[in-house]
Amino acid sequence: MNLTLYGVEIWATALLFGRIGAMLMLLPGVGEPAVPARVRLGFALAMAISLGPALANNVPEPSNTALGMAFQVGAEVLIGLLLGGAARMLVSALATAGQIVGLELGISFAQTADPTATGSGQLVSVFLGVMGVALIFATGLHHMFLQGVAGSYQVIAIGSQPPVGDAAELALEATSTAFRVGFQIAVPLLVAGMIFRVGMGVLSRLIPQIQVFFVALPLQMMGGLVVFALGLSTGMLIWLDSLERYATWLR
């Protein structure tokens, strides 16, 4: 079956759009909720039309029924959600780090508007999220992810069935990596907080008359912010490295 419109292969474009659209809705940087969905899907359609001629020879023949064609497109959408969701899971490391840091600083209940999303979020998590998006564009990682969209057809061929076993393994690895990276970002503050609490406990035993909690809270916030600022660059480099590894794997 040869379906064309103004020289564009409709069937090939539909299959490509299914995967590319799902990936671009979730990939870091270009897939942020602040970017309108129409813009993301429009860019995905343009990208599908651009990649169509290069991948036309690998596109499988459409099914004889409309339901079969829908299943073929749906399989590509599921693959795109799998690959894009793994990248989005790595981004959640910043939210994990922000929650831990906020708890250590004593400002875990502080909320503010999140410009990268449609609602509000924890103060430190929003700060790390905005910084993360800025670093993705500043370091050119969004280019690597866009190249990874095209390279994903080398990882999972077009027309293939969603690999259930590999999908579970990828999701598990992405989740564990996200938690590990988030914990690594917050480690300096965790260590400093433990030392500070031990010191406050010793001080309260040596000088029972002192109001430890009254003294501890300002010191906890000021000292925690200093430690957080000193370890922030290293933590963000670790996070960017995890994203770069995944983008390189896609390419």
C-alpha atoms as a PDB file:
ATOM      1  CA  MET A   1       0.000   0.000   0.000  1.00  0.00           C
ATOM      2  CA  ASN A   2       1.418   3.343  -1.056  1.00  0.00           C
ATOM      3  CA  LEU A   3      -0.238   6.315   0.650  1.00  0.00           C
ATOM      4  CA  THR A   4       1.265   9.695  -0.196  1.00  0.00           C
ATOM      5  CA  LEU A   5       0.187  13.299   0.277  1.00  0.00           C
ATOM      6  CA  TYR A   6       2.234  16.027  -1.417  1.00  0.00           C
ATOM      7  CA  GLY A   7       5.132  13.596  -1.658  1.00  0.00           C
ATOM      8  CA  VAL A   8       4.971  12.575   2.043  1.00  0.00           C
ATOM      9  CA  GLU A   9       4.559   8.893   2.865  1.00  0.00           C
ATOM     10  CA  ILE A  10       1.544   8.944   5.175  1.00  0.00           C
ATOM     11  CA  TRP A  11       1.990   5.444   6.617  1.00  0.00           C
ATOM     12  CA  ALA A  12       5.707   5.882   7.322  1.00  0.00           C
ATOM     13  CA  THR A  13       5.090   9.308   8.830  1.00  0.00           C
ATOM     14  CA  ALA A  14       2.304   7.938  11.048  1.00  0.00           C
ATOM     15  CA  LEU A  15       4.552   5.203  12.441  1.00  0.00           C
ATOM     16  CA  LEU A  16       7.436   7.606  12.995  1.00  0.00           C
ATOM     17  CA  PHE A  17       5.165  10.217  14.556  1.00  0.00           C
ATOM     18  CA  GLY A  18       3.838   7.674  17.049  1.00  0.00           C
ATOM     19  CA  ARG A  19       7.257   7.024  18.560  1.00  0.00           C
ATOM     20  CA  ILE A  20       8.771  10.479  18.093  1.00  0.00           C
ATOM     21  CA  GLY A  21       5.711  12.247  19.487  1.00  0.00           C
ATOM     22  CA  ALA A  22       5.665  10.053  22.596  1.00  0.00           C
ATOM     23  CA  MET A  23       9.387  10.592  23.181  1.00  0.00           C
ATOM     24  CA  LEU A  24       9.287  14.361  22.696  1.00  0.00           C
ATOM     25  CA  MET A  25       6.431  14.635  25.188  1.00  0.00           C
ATOM     26  CA  LEU A  26       8.728  13.229  27.887  1.00  0.00           C
ATOM     27  CA  LEU A  27      12.359  13.945  27.002  1.00  0.00           C
ATOM     28  CA  PRO A  28      14.241  16.414  29.243  1.00  0.00           C
ATOM     29  CA  GLY A  29      14.411  19.963  27.953  1.00  0.00           C
ATOM     30  CA  VAL A  30      12.113  19.803  24.938  1.00  0.00           C
ATOM     31  CA  GLY A  31       9.496  17.739  26.784  1.00  0.00           C
ATOM     32  CA  GLU A  32       9.019  19.972  29.810  1.00  0.00           C
ATOM     33  CA  PRO A  33       5.364  20.571  30.836  1.00  0.00           C
ATOM     34  CA  ALA A  34       5.925  24.321  30.397  1.00  0.00           C
ATOM     35  CA  VAL A  35       6.309  23.771  26.641  1.00  0.00           C
ATOM     36  CA  PRO A  36       2.796  23.655  25.099  1.00  0.00           C
ATOM     37  CA  ALA A  37       1.761  20.195  23.963  1.00  0.00           C
ATOM     38  CA  ARG A  38       0.850  21.520  20.504  1.00  0.00           C
ATOM     39  CA  VAL A  39       4.373  22.865  20.057  1.00  0.00           C
ATOM     40  CA  ARG A  40       5.911  19.542  21.051  1.00  0.00           C
ATOM     41  CA  LEU A  41       3.606  17.532  18.816  1.00  0.00           C
ATOM     42  CA  GLY A  42       4.095  19.957  15.920  1.00  0.00           C
ATOM     43  CA  PHE A  43       7.851  19.604  16.263  1.00  0.00           C
ATOM     44  CA  ALA A  44       7.447  15.827  16.444  1.00  0.00           C
ATOM     45  CA  LEU A  45       5.444  15.827  13.203  1.00  0.00           C
ATOM     46  CA  ALA A  46       8.086  17.936  11.460  1.00  0.00           C
ATOM     47  CA  MET A  47      10.780  15.586  12.716  1.00  0.00           C
ATOM     48  CA  ALA A  48       8.821  12.528  11.548  1.00  0.00           C
ATOM     49  CA  ILE A  49       8.452  14.015   8.050  1.00  0.00           C
ATOM     50  CA  SER A  50      12.192  14.792   8.010  1.00  0.00           C
ATOM     51  CA  LEU A  51      13.217  11.273   9.058  1.00  0.00           C
ATOM     52  CA  GLY A  52      10.692   9.579   6.784  1.00  0.00           C
ATOM     53  CA  PRO A  53      12.866   9.338   3.649  1.00  0.00           C
ATOM     54  CA  ALA A  54      15.846   7.935   5.580  1.00  0.00           C
ATOM     55  CA  LEU A  55      13.786   5.201   7.274  1.00  0.00           C
ATOM     56  CA  ALA A  56      11.261   4.512   4.507  1.00  0.00           C
ATOM     57  CA  ASN A  57      12.957   1.252   3.484  1.00  0.00           C
ATOM     58  CA  ASN A  58      12.668  -0.114   7.037  1.00  0.00           C
ATOM     59  CA  VAL A  59       8.977   0.709   7.497  1.00  0.00           C
ATOM     60  CA  PRO A  60       6.850  -2.469   7.638  1.00  0.00           C
ATOM     61  CA  GLU A  61       3.835  -2.892   5.415  1.00  0.00           C
ATOM     62  CA  PRO A  62       0.565  -1.719   6.946  1.00  0.00           C
ATOM     63  CA  SER A  63      -1.952  -4.272   8.133  1.00  0.00           C
ATOM     64  CA  ASN A  64      -4.946  -5.113   5.996  1.00  0.00           C
ATOM     65  CA  THR A  65      -7.368  -3.866   8.653  1.00  0.00           C
ATOM     66  CA  ALA A  66      -7.758  -0.537  10.411  1.00  0.00           C
ATOM     67  CA  LEU A  67      -7.487  -2.273  13.803  1.00  0.00           C
ATOM     68  CA  GLY A  68      -4.218  -3.888  12.804  1.00  0.00           C
ATOM     69  CA  MET A  69      -2.800  -0.555  11.654  1.00  0.00           C
ATOM     70  CA  ALA A  70      -3.890   0.993  14.953  1.00  0.00           C
ATOM     71  CA  PHE A  71      -2.017  -1.734  16.833  1.00  0.00           C
ATOM     72  CA  GLN A  72       1.105  -1.072  14.781  1.00  0.00           C
ATOM     73  CA  VAL A  73       0.995   2.653  15.567  1.00  0.00           C
ATOM     74  CA  GLY A  74       0.159   1.895  19.215  1.00  0.00           C
ATOM     75  CA  ALA A  75       3.236  -0.321  19.509  1.00  0.00           C
ATOM     76  CA  GLU A  76       5.418   2.564  18.309  1.00  0.00           C
ATOM     77  CA  VAL A  77       3.750   4.886  20.834  1.00  0.00           C
ATOM     78  CA  LEU A  78       4.476   2.417  23.656  1.00  0.00           C
ATOM     79  CA  ILE A  79       8.134   2.199  22.609  1.00  0.00           C
ATOM     80  CA  GLY A  80       8.345   5.992  22.586  1.00  0.00           C
ATOM     81  CA  LEU A  81       6.779   6.177  26.053  1.00  0.00           C
ATOM     82  CA  LEU A  82       9.269   3.588  27.298  1.00  0.00           C
ATOM     83  CA  LEU A  83      12.341   5.388  25.978  1.00  0.00           C
ATOM     84  CA  GLY A  84      11.122   8.867  26.894  1.00  0.00           C
ATOM     85  CA  GLY A  85       9.840   7.763  30.295  1.00  0.00           C
ATOM     86  CA  ALA A  86      13.252   6.391  31.250  1.00  0.00           C
ATOM     87  CA  ALA A  87      14.804   9.798  30.516  1.00  0.00           C
ATOM     88  CA  ARG A  88      12.047  11.559  32.478  1.00  0.00           C
ATOM     89  CA  MET A  89      12.724   9.211  35.392  1.00  0.00           C
ATOM     90  CA  LEU A  90      16.341  10.405  35.460  1.00  0.00           C
ATOM     91  CA  VAL A  91      15.084  13.989  35.711  1.00  0.00           C
ATOM     92  CA  SER A  92      13.130  13.034  38.849  1.00  0.00           C
ATOM     93  CA  ALA A  93      16.489  12.674  40.626  1.00  0.00           C
ATOM     94  CA  LEU A  94      16.401  16.439  41.138  1.00  0.00           C
ATOM     95  CA  ALA A  95      13.036  16.205  42.892  1.00  0.00           C
ATOM     96  CA  THR A  96      14.395  13.459  45.142  1.00  0.00           C
ATOM     97  CA  ALA A  97      17.448  15.557  45.990  1.00  0.00           C
ATOM     98  CA  GLY A  98      15.274  18.613  46.592  1.00  0.00           C
ATOM     99  CA  GLN A  99      13.038  16.775  49.048  1.00  0.00           C
ATOM    100  CA  ILE A 100      16.038  15.490  51.025  1.00  0.00           C
ATOM    101  CA  VAL A 101      17.760  18.877  51.050  1.00  0.00           C
ATOM    102  CA  GLY A 102      14.558  20.653  52.054  1.00  0.00           C
ATOM    103  CA  LEU A 103      14.091  18.244  54.943  1.00  0.00           C
ATOM    104  CA  GLU A 104      17.653  18.784  56.128  1.00  0.00           C
ATOM    105  CA  LEU A 105      17.330  22.567  55.894  1.00  0.00           C
ATOM    106  CA  GLY A 106      14.024  22.570  57.744  1.00  0.00           C
ATOM    107  CA  ILE A 107      12.084  24.101  54.827  1.00  0.00           C
ATOM    108  CA  SER A 108      10.430  20.979  53.467  1.00  0.00           C
ATOM    109  CA  PHE A 109       6.980  22.583  53.752  1.00  0.00           C
ATOM    110  CA  ALA A 110       7.967  25.720  51.815  1.00  0.00           C
ATOM    111  CA  GLN A 111       6.134  25.785  48.471  1.00  0.00           C
ATOM    112  CA  THR A 112       6.570  28.041  45.472  1.00  0.00           C
ATOM    113  CA  ALA A 113       5.330  28.245  41.884  1.00  0.00           C
ATOM    114  CA  ASP A 114       7.153  25.903  39.527  1.00  0.00           C
ATOM    115  CA  PRO A 115       7.783  27.625  36.163  1.00  0.00           C
ATOM    116  CA  THR A 116       8.652  24.297  34.527  1.00  0.00           C
ATOM    117  CA  ALA A 117       5.292  22.756  35.468  1.00  0.00           C
ATOM    118  CA  THR A 118       1.692  23.806  35.866  1.00  0.00           C
ATOM    119  CA  GLY A 119       1.567  23.844  39.666  1.00  0.00           C
ATOM    120  CA  SER A 120       3.657  24.498  42.725  1.00  0.00           C
ATOM    121  CA  GLY A 121       6.446  22.458  44.247  1.00  0.00           C
ATOM    122  CA  GLN A 122       8.844  22.197  47.127  1.00  0.00           C
ATOM    123  CA  LEU A 123      11.186  25.177  47.197  1.00  0.00           C
ATOM    124  CA  VAL A 124      14.519  23.383  46.718  1.00  0.00           C
ATOM    125  CA  SER A 125      13.049  20.926  44.206  1.00  0.00           C
ATOM    126  CA  VAL A 126      11.783  23.807  42.061  1.00  0.00           C
ATOM    127  CA  PHE A 127      15.184  25.493  42.237  1.00  0.00           C
ATOM    128  CA  LEU A 128      16.986  22.328  41.165  1.00  0.00           C
ATOM    129  CA  GLY A 129      14.437  21.673  38.418  1.00  0.00           C
ATOM    130  CA  VAL A 130      14.856  25.123  36.894  1.00  0.00           C
ATOM    131  CA  MET A 131      18.642  24.832  37.129  1.00  0.00           C
ATOM    132  CA  GLY A 132      18.509  21.399  35.534  1.00  0.00           C
ATOM    133  CA  VAL A 133      16.530  22.634  32.522  1.00  0.00           C
ATOM    134  CA  ALA A 134      18.914  25.583  32.112  1.00  0.00           C
ATOM    135  CA  LEU A 135      21.934  23.272  32.244  1.00  0.00           C
ATOM    136  CA  ILE A 136      20.429  20.907  29.666  1.00  0.00           C
ATOM    137  CA  PHE A 137      20.194  23.724  27.118  1.00  0.00           C
ATOM    138  CA  ALA A 138      23.481  25.340  28.185  1.00  0.00           C
ATOM    139  CA  THR A 139      25.458  22.118  27.739  1.00  0.00           C
ATOM    140  CA  GLY A 140      23.744  21.072  24.497  1.00  0.00           C
ATOM    141  CA  LEU A 141      22.235  17.898  25.950  1.00  0.00           C
ATOM    142  CA  HIS A 142      18.961  18.643  24.159  1.00  0.00           C
ATOM    143  CA  HIS A 143      20.816  18.139  20.869  1.00  0.00           C
ATOM    144  CA  MET A 144      21.999  14.734  22.049  1.00  0.00           C
ATOM    145  CA  PHE A 145      18.458  13.749  22.980  1.00  0.00           C
ATOM    146  CA  LEU A 146      17.142  14.842  19.596  1.00  0.00           C
ATOM    147  CA  GLN A 147      19.851  12.740  17.962  1.00  0.00           C
ATOM    148  CA  GLY A 148      18.817   9.953  20.326  1.00  0.00           C
ATOM    149  CA  VAL A 149      15.265  10.116  18.958  1.00  0.00           C
ATOM    150  CA  ALA A 150      16.614   9.250  15.510  1.00  0.00           C
ATOM    151  CA  GLY A 151      19.096   6.769  16.975  1.00  0.00           C
ATOM    152  CA  SER A 152      16.340   4.948  18.869  1.00  0.00           C
ATOM    153  CA  TYR A 153      15.458   3.180  15.617  1.00  0.00           C
ATOM    154  CA  GLN A 154      18.841   1.479  15.830  1.00  0.00           C
ATOM    155  CA  VAL A 155      18.088   0.379  19.409  1.00  0.00           C
ATOM    156  CA  ILE A 156      14.553  -0.856  18.647  1.00  0.00           C
ATOM    157  CA  ALA A 157      13.732  -1.272  14.959  1.00  0.00           C
ATOM    158  CA  ILE A 158      10.626   0.374  13.577  1.00  0.00           C
ATOM    159  CA  GLY A 159       7.688  -2.016  13.485  1.00  0.00           C
ATOM    160  CA  SER A 160       9.036  -4.153  16.338  1.00  0.00           C
ATOM    161  CA  GLN A 161       6.850  -5.254  19.216  1.00  0.00           C
ATOM    162  CA  PRO A 162       7.464  -3.478  22.555  1.00  0.00           C
ATOM    163  CA  PRO A 163      10.138  -5.494  24.416  1.00  0.00           C
ATOM    164  CA  VAL A 164       8.367  -6.195  27.711  1.00  0.00           C
ATOM    165  CA  GLY A 165      11.324  -7.830  29.469  1.00  0.00           C
ATOM    166  CA  ASP A 166      13.814  -5.189  28.386  1.00  0.00           C
ATOM    167  CA  ALA A 167      11.294  -2.462  29.262  1.00  0.00           C
ATOM    168  CA  ALA A 168      11.032  -3.710  32.840  1.00  0.00           C
ATOM    169  CA  GLU A 169      14.818  -3.853  33.118  1.00  0.00           C
ATOM    170  CA  LEU A 170      15.205  -0.349  31.687  1.00  0.00           C
ATOM    171  CA  ALA A 171      12.557   1.063  34.038  1.00  0.00           C
ATOM    172  CA  LEU A 172      14.199  -0.579  37.036  1.00  0.00           C
ATOM    173  CA  GLU A 173      17.637   0.697  36.068  1.00  0.00           C
ATOM    174  CA  ALA A 174      16.350   4.224  35.438  1.00  0.00           C
ATOM    175  CA  THR A 175      14.540   4.289  38.788  1.00  0.00           C
ATOM    176  CA  SER A 176      17.556   3.042  40.732  1.00  0.00           C
ATOM    177  CA  THR A 177      19.853   5.485  38.921  1.00  0.00           C
ATOM    178  CA  ALA A 178      17.497   8.396  39.620  1.00  0.00           C
ATOM    179  CA  PHE A 179      17.373   7.605  43.350  1.00  0.00           C
ATOM    180  CA  ARG A 180      21.136   7.066  43.514  1.00  0.00           C
ATOM    181  CA  VAL A 181      21.919  10.356  41.754  1.00  0.00           C
ATOM    182  CA  GLY A 182      19.401  12.246  43.884  1.00  0.00           C
ATOM    183  CA  PHE A 183      20.971  10.819  47.003  1.00  0.00           C
ATOM    184  CA  GLN A 184      24.452  11.722  45.778  1.00  0.00           C
ATOM    185  CA  ILE A 185      23.405  15.337  45.261  1.00  0.00           C
ATOM    186  CA  ALA A 186      22.129  15.505  48.848  1.00  0.00           C
ATOM    187  CA  VAL A 187      24.974  13.518  50.474  1.00  0.00           C
ATOM    188  CA  PRO A 188      27.063  16.557  51.584  1.00  0.00           C
ATOM    189  CA  LEU A 189      24.065  17.988  53.408  1.00  0.00           C
ATOM    190  CA  LEU A 190      23.190  14.645  54.972  1.00  0.00           C
ATOM    191  CA  VAL A 191      26.718  14.217  56.329  1.00  0.00           C
ATOM    192  CA  ALA A 192      26.888  17.808  57.576  1.00  0.00           C
ATOM    193  CA  GLY A 193      23.441  17.458  59.166  1.00  0.00           C
ATOM    194  CA  MET A 194      24.448  14.322  61.029  1.00  0.00           C
ATOM    195  CA  ILE A 195      27.615  15.964  62.358  1.00  0.00           C
ATOM    196  CA  PHE A 196      25.632  19.063  63.350  1.00  0.00           C
ATOM    197  CA  ARG A 197      23.018  17.061  65.246  1.00  0.00           C
ATOM    198  CA  VAL A 198      25.678  15.085  67.096  1.00  0.00           C
ATOM    199  CA  GLY A 199      27.351  18.357  68.042  1.00  0.00           C
ATOM    200  CA  MET A 200      24.054  19.836  69.260  1.00  0.00           C
ATOM    201  CA  GLY A 201      23.426  16.704  71.323  1.00  0.00           C
ATOM    202  CA  VAL A 202      26.846  16.957  72.966  1.00  0.00           C
ATOM    203  CA  LEU A 203      26.284  20.680  73.590  1.00  0.00           C
ATOM    204  CA  SER A 204      22.931  20.040  75.237  1.00  0.00           C
ATOM    205  CA  ARG A 205      24.541  17.507  77.573  1.00  0.00           C
ATOM    206  CA  LEU A 206      27.428  19.818  78.460  1.00  0.00           C
ATOM    207  CA  ILE A 207      25.250  22.918  78.933  1.00  0.00           C
ATOM    208  CA  PRO A 208      21.729  21.797  79.889  1.00  0.00           C
ATOM    209  CA  GLN A 209      20.616  25.404  80.405  1.00  0.00           C
ATOM    210  CA  ILE A 210      21.013  26.346  76.725  1.00  0.00           C
ATOM    211  CA  GLN A 211      17.976  26.257  74.457  1.00  0.00           C
ATOM    212  CA  VAL A 212      19.386  23.906  71.835  1.00  0.00           C
ATOM    213  CA  PHE A 213      16.423  24.017  69.457  1.00  0.00           C
ATOM    214  CA  PHE A 214      16.314  27.810  69.550  1.00  0.00           C
ATOM    215  CA  VAL A 215      20.010  27.998  68.630  1.00  0.00           C
ATOM    216  CA  ALA A 216      20.045  25.059  66.230  1.00  0.00           C
ATOM    217  CA  LEU A 217      17.435  26.162  63.696  1.00  0.00           C
ATOM    218  CA  PRO A 218      19.176  29.338  62.399  1.00  0.00           C
ATOM    219  CA  LEU A 219      22.531  27.544  62.342  1.00  0.00           C
ATOM    220  CA  GLN A 220      20.974  24.566  60.587  1.00  0.00           C
ATOM    221  CA  MET A 221      19.549  26.750  57.822  1.00  0.00           C
ATOM    222  CA  MET A 222      22.598  28.978  57.332  1.00  0.00           C
ATOM    223  CA  GLY A 223      25.143  26.186  57.558  1.00  0.00           C
ATOM    224  CA  GLY A 224      23.004  23.913  55.401  1.00  0.00           C
ATOM    225  CA  LEU A 225      22.740  26.514  52.646  1.00  0.00           C
ATOM    226  CA  VAL A 226      26.528  26.971  52.672  1.00  0.00           C
ATOM    227  CA  VAL A 227      27.149  23.214  52.420  1.00  0.00           C
ATOM    228  CA  PHE A 228      24.475  22.871  49.751  1.00  0.00           C
ATOM    229  CA  ALA A 229      26.042  25.672  47.677  1.00  0.00           C
ATOM    230  CA  LEU A 230      29.524  24.132  47.968  1.00  0.00           C
ATOM    231  CA  GLY A 231      28.390  20.699  46.803  1.00  0.00           C
ATOM    232  CA  LEU A 232      25.849  21.822  44.213  1.00  0.00           C
ATOM    233  CA  SER A 233      28.202  21.994  41.231  1.00  0.00           C
ATOM    234  CA  THR A 234      29.496  18.463  41.775  1.00  0.00           C
ATOM    235  CA  GLY A 235      26.007  17.104  42.278  1.00  0.00           C
ATOM    236  CA  MET A 236      24.688  18.693  39.100  1.00  0.00           C
ATOM    237  CA  LEU A 237      27.653  17.358  37.132  1.00  0.00           C
ATOM    238  CA  ILE A 238      26.801  13.859  38.354  1.00  0.00           C
ATOM    239  CA  TRP A 239      23.200  14.362  37.249  1.00  0.00           C
ATOM    240  CA  LEU A 240      24.221  15.687  33.827  1.00  0.00           C
ATOM    241  CA  ASP A 241      26.535  12.708  33.415  1.00  0.00           C
ATOM    242  CA  SER A 242      23.641  10.300  34.001  1.00  0.00           C
ATOM    243  CA  LEU A 243      21.586  12.081  31.328  1.00  0.00           C
ATOM    244  CA  GLU A 244      24.511  12.101  28.913  1.00  0.00           C
ATOM    245  CA  ARG A 245      25.052   8.372  29.372  1.00  0.00           C
ATOM    246  CA  TYR A 246      21.422   7.668  28.514  1.00  0.00           C
ATOM    247  CA  ALA A 247      21.436  10.006  25.525  1.00  0.00           C
ATOM    248  CA  THR A 248      24.636   8.362  24.263  1.00  0.00           C
ATOM    249  CA  TRP A 249      23.009   4.944  24.606  1.00  0.00           C
ATOM    250  CA  LEU A 250      20.051   6.106  22.534  1.00  0.00           C
ATOM    251  CA  ARG A 251      22.344   7.474  19.830  1.00  0.00           C
END
